[in-house]
Protein backbone atom coordinates (compact mmCIF):
# COMPACT_ATOMS: atom_id res chain seq x y z
CA MET A 1 51.08 97.63 198.37
CA MET A 2 52.76 100.85 199.41
CA GLN A 3 52.59 103.55 196.76
CA VAL A 4 54.59 106.78 196.59
CA LEU A 5 52.03 109.02 198.26
CA PRO A 6 52.48 112.41 199.95
CA LYS A 7 53.51 112.57 203.60
CA LYS A 8 49.93 113.45 204.50
CA HIS A 9 48.71 110.26 202.85
CA LEU A 10 51.49 108.33 204.54
CA LYS A 11 50.00 109.26 207.91
CA MET A 12 46.61 107.92 206.82
CA ALA A 13 48.24 104.83 205.30
CA SER A 14 49.91 104.22 208.66
CA LYS A 15 46.49 103.69 210.26
CA ALA A 16 45.30 101.64 207.27
CA SER A 17 48.45 99.56 206.91
CA ILE A 18 46.17 96.86 205.53
CA PHE A 19 46.56 98.46 202.11
């Protein structure tokens, strides 16, 4: 589930797209 996180977190979420 993609939450409304900061752009910095978005970069990290990109690597951990499993979340």
